[in-house]
Amino acid sequence: MVEIPLHRLAHARAGDKGNRLNIGLFAYYPEAWPLIAGQVTEERVLALFAHRGAARVRRYELPKLDGFNFVIDDVLQGGVNGALNLDGHGKTLSFRLLGLTLRVPEALAERAGP
């Protein structure tokens, strides 16, 4: 097993509704989906966004799409109309999620490229 960043196995897209962030995460390879499911947990995502005040994370599995939908509450510091930060919509926060590291078989890491 080797450790690689999530972005080598998946892509993501973020959106917002008020102070709630929604991140869609989709595996590039079907065999990566169960590895992501086991390691990108609600608890781990909540810890990743704790510094922004995230209060709760819900993960919805989309196995037929090799994907997940993460709904993160209270992470946008008030949302687009209330936040003083430069990214009130939270569009860049999908990149924070893609920076997580996962332990995967070496063969999958090689397939995923650099």
C-alpha atoms as a PDB file:
ATOM      1  CA  MET A   1       0.000   0.000   0.000  1.00  0.00           C
ATOM      2  CA  VAL A   2       1.120   3.536  -0.776  1.00  0.00           C
ATOM      3  CA  GLU A   3      -0.225   6.952   0.135  1.00  0.00           C
ATOM      4  CA  ILE A   4      -1.430   9.268  -2.642  1.00  0.00           C
ATOM      5  CA  PRO A   5      -3.588  12.411  -2.804  1.00  0.00           C
ATOM      6  CA  LEU A   6      -7.267  11.895  -3.517  1.00  0.00           C
ATOM      7  CA  HIS A   7      -7.074  14.045  -6.670  1.00  0.00           C
ATOM      8  CA  ARG A   8      -5.210  11.219  -8.402  1.00  0.00           C
ATOM      9  CA  LEU A   9      -8.257   8.976  -7.965  1.00  0.00           C
ATOM     10  CA  ALA A  10     -11.205  11.364  -8.213  1.00  0.00           C
ATOM     11  CA  HIS A  11     -12.505  14.724  -9.319  1.00  0.00           C
ATOM     12  CA  ALA A  12     -14.892  17.025  -7.460  1.00  0.00           C
ATOM     13  CA  ARG A  13     -17.256  19.933  -7.909  1.00  0.00           C
ATOM     14  CA  ALA A  14     -18.507  22.258  -5.184  1.00  0.00           C
ATOM     15  CA  GLY A  15     -21.647  24.324  -4.843  1.00  0.00           C
ATOM     16  CA  ASP A  16     -23.425  26.241  -2.121  1.00  0.00           C
ATOM     17  CA  LYS A  17     -26.786  27.056  -0.660  1.00  0.00           C
ATOM     18  CA  GLY A  18     -26.613  29.647   2.081  1.00  0.00           C
ATOM     19  CA  ASN A  19     -24.060  28.519   4.649  1.00  0.00           C
ATOM     20  CA  ARG A  20     -24.075  24.912   3.385  1.00  0.00           C
ATOM     21  CA  LEU A  21     -21.461  23.477   1.036  1.00  0.00           C
ATOM     22  CA  ASN A  22     -22.151  20.593  -1.311  1.00  0.00           C
ATOM     23  CA  ILE A  23     -19.205  18.667  -2.809  1.00  0.00           C
ATOM     24  CA  GLY A  24     -19.749  16.006  -5.448  1.00  0.00           C
ATOM     25  CA  LEU A  25     -16.819  13.565  -5.548  1.00  0.00           C
ATOM     26  CA  PHE A  26     -16.457  11.010  -8.361  1.00  0.00           C
ATOM     27  CA  ALA A  27     -13.863   8.269  -8.776  1.00  0.00           C
ATOM     28  CA  TYR A  28     -11.968   8.044 -12.055  1.00  0.00           C
ATOM     29  CA  TYR A  29     -11.781   4.256 -11.712  1.00  0.00           C
ATOM     30  CA  PRO A  30     -14.533   1.931 -10.426  1.00  0.00           C
ATOM     31  CA  GLU A  31     -12.012   0.025  -8.300  1.00  0.00           C
ATOM     32  CA  ALA A  32     -11.142   3.260  -6.486  1.00  0.00           C
ATOM     33  CA  TRP A  33     -14.704   3.788  -5.241  1.00  0.00           C
ATOM     34  CA  PRO A  34     -14.589   1.299  -2.328  1.00  0.00           C
ATOM     35  CA  LEU A  35     -11.192   2.637  -1.248  1.00  0.00           C
ATOM     36  CA  ILE A  36     -12.566   6.174  -1.224  1.00  0.00           C
ATOM     37  CA  ALA A  37     -15.688   4.974   0.621  1.00  0.00           C
ATOM     38  CA  GLY A  38     -13.571   3.446   3.355  1.00  0.00           C
ATOM     39  CA  GLN A  39     -11.266   6.426   3.848  1.00  0.00           C
ATOM     40  CA  VAL A  40     -13.184   9.610   2.987  1.00  0.00           C
ATOM     41  CA  THR A  41     -15.604   9.422   5.885  1.00  0.00           C
ATOM     42  CA  GLU A  42     -17.950  12.010   7.345  1.00  0.00           C
ATOM     43  CA  GLU A  43     -15.671  12.282  10.376  1.00  0.00           C
ATOM     44  CA  ARG A  44     -12.551  12.845   8.303  1.00  0.00           C
ATOM     45  CA  VAL A  45     -14.232  15.484   6.131  1.00  0.00           C
ATOM     46  CA  LEU A  46     -15.600  17.259   9.217  1.00  0.00           C
ATOM     47  CA  ALA A  47     -12.085  17.372  10.698  1.00  0.00           C
ATOM     48  CA  LEU A  48     -10.732  18.722   7.394  1.00  0.00           C
ATOM     49  CA  PHE A  49     -13.160  21.664   7.483  1.00  0.00           C
ATOM     50  CA  ALA A  50     -13.240  22.207  11.269  1.00  0.00           C
ATOM     51  CA  HIS A  51     -11.055  25.322  10.991  1.00  0.00           C
ATOM     52  CA  ARG A  52     -13.874  26.973   8.998  1.00  0.00           C
ATOM     53  CA  GLY A  53     -16.484  26.187  11.652  1.00  0.00           C
ATOM     54  CA  ALA A  54     -18.075  23.169   9.938  1.00  0.00           C
ATOM     55  CA  ALA A  55     -20.749  21.770  12.245  1.00  0.00           C
ATOM     56  CA  ARG A  56     -21.877  18.618  10.449  1.00  0.00           C
ATOM     57  CA  VAL A  57     -21.098  16.471   7.402  1.00  0.00           C
ATOM     58  CA  ARG A  58     -23.459  14.063   5.703  1.00  0.00           C
ATOM     59  CA  ARG A  59     -22.159  11.696   3.025  1.00  0.00           C
ATOM     60  CA  TYR A  60     -24.502  10.272   0.428  1.00  0.00           C
ATOM     61  CA  GLU A  61     -23.174   7.340  -1.574  1.00  0.00           C
ATOM     62  CA  LEU A  62     -23.799   7.142  -5.311  1.00  0.00           C
ATOM     63  CA  PRO A  63     -22.402   3.667  -6.089  1.00  0.00           C
ATOM     64  CA  LYS A  64     -23.817   3.412  -9.614  1.00  0.00           C
ATOM     65  CA  LEU A  65     -21.951   6.631 -10.458  1.00  0.00           C
ATOM     66  CA  ASP A  66     -18.810   5.738  -8.466  1.00  0.00           C
ATOM     67  CA  GLY A  67     -19.431   8.893  -6.503  1.00  0.00           C
ATOM     68  CA  PHE A  68     -20.438  10.624  -3.303  1.00  0.00           C
ATOM     69  CA  ASN A  69     -22.229  13.800  -2.328  1.00  0.00           C
ATOM     70  CA  PHE A  70     -20.934  15.528   0.799  1.00  0.00           C
ATOM     71  CA  VAL A  71     -23.158  18.128   2.453  1.00  0.00           C
ATOM     72  CA  ILE A  72     -21.217  20.268   4.930  1.00  0.00           C
ATOM     73  CA  ASP A  73     -23.122  22.612   7.255  1.00  0.00           C
ATOM     74  CA  ASP A  74     -21.894  25.977   8.567  1.00  0.00           C
ATOM     75  CA  VAL A  75     -18.657  25.920   6.561  1.00  0.00           C
ATOM     76  CA  LEU A  76     -19.105  29.030   4.384  1.00  0.00           C
ATOM     77  CA  GLN A  77     -18.797  31.551   7.205  1.00  0.00           C
ATOM     78  CA  GLY A  78     -22.244  32.973   6.505  1.00  0.00           C
ATOM     79  CA  GLY A  79     -22.555  32.180   2.801  1.00  0.00           C
ATOM     80  CA  VAL A  80     -22.116  34.311  -0.280  1.00  0.00           C
ATOM     81  CA  ASN A  81     -24.018  37.321   1.111  1.00  0.00           C
ATOM     82  CA  GLY A  82     -22.607  37.196   4.629  1.00  0.00           C
ATOM     83  CA  ALA A  83     -19.022  35.981   4.344  1.00  0.00           C
ATOM     84  CA  LEU A  84     -16.083  38.351   4.292  1.00  0.00           C
ATOM     85  CA  ASN A  85     -13.806  35.797   2.646  1.00  0.00           C
ATOM     86  CA  LEU A  86     -13.000  35.861  -1.076  1.00  0.00           C
ATOM     87  CA  ASP A  87     -14.787  32.595  -1.827  1.00  0.00           C
ATOM     88  CA  GLY A  88     -18.241  32.953  -0.317  1.00  0.00           C
ATOM     89  CA  HIS A  89     -19.579  30.300  -2.696  1.00  0.00           C
ATOM     90  CA  GLY A  90     -17.007  27.739  -1.532  1.00  0.00           C
ATOM     91  CA  LYS A  91     -16.015  26.770  -5.085  1.00  0.00           C
ATOM     92  CA  THR A  92     -12.364  26.265  -4.169  1.00  0.00           C
ATOM     93  CA  LEU A  93     -13.151  24.034  -1.194  1.00  0.00           C
ATOM     94  CA  SER A  94     -13.415  20.959  -3.417  1.00  0.00           C
ATOM     95  CA  PHE A  95      -9.651  21.289  -3.871  1.00  0.00           C
ATOM     96  CA  ARG A  96      -9.177  21.035  -0.116  1.00  0.00           C
ATOM     97  CA  LEU A  97     -11.063  17.737  -0.141  1.00  0.00           C
ATOM     98  CA  LEU A  98      -9.018  16.487  -3.115  1.00  0.00           C
ATOM     99  CA  GLY A  99      -5.852  17.128  -1.094  1.00  0.00           C
ATOM    100  CA  LEU A 100      -6.694  14.344   1.388  1.00  0.00           C
ATOM    101  CA  THR A 101      -4.337  11.401   1.220  1.00  0.00           C
ATOM    102  CA  LEU A 102      -5.479   7.807   0.851  1.00  0.00           C
ATOM    103  CA  ARG A 103      -3.729   4.461   1.222  1.00  0.00           C
ATOM    104  CA  VAL A 104      -4.159   2.435  -1.944  1.00  0.00           C
ATOM    105  CA  PRO A 105      -2.572  -0.605  -3.594  1.00  0.00           C
ATOM    106  CA  GLU A 106       0.601   0.284  -5.465  1.00  0.00           C
ATOM    107  CA  ALA A 107      -0.872  -0.947  -8.771  1.00  0.00           C
ATOM    108  CA  LEU A 108      -3.744   1.524  -8.512  1.00  0.00           C
ATOM    109  CA  ALA A 109      -1.356   4.349  -7.598  1.00  0.00           C
ATOM    110  CA  GLU A 110       0.694   3.582 -10.711  1.00  0.00           C
ATOM    111  CA  ARG A 111      -2.423   3.555 -12.879  1.00  0.00           C
ATOM    112  CA  ALA A 112      -3.505   6.888 -11.412  1.00  0.00           C
ATOM    113  CA  GLY A 113      -0.330   8.557 -12.674  1.00  0.00           C
ATOM    114  CA  PRO A 114       1.772  11.272 -11.051  1.00  0.00           C
END
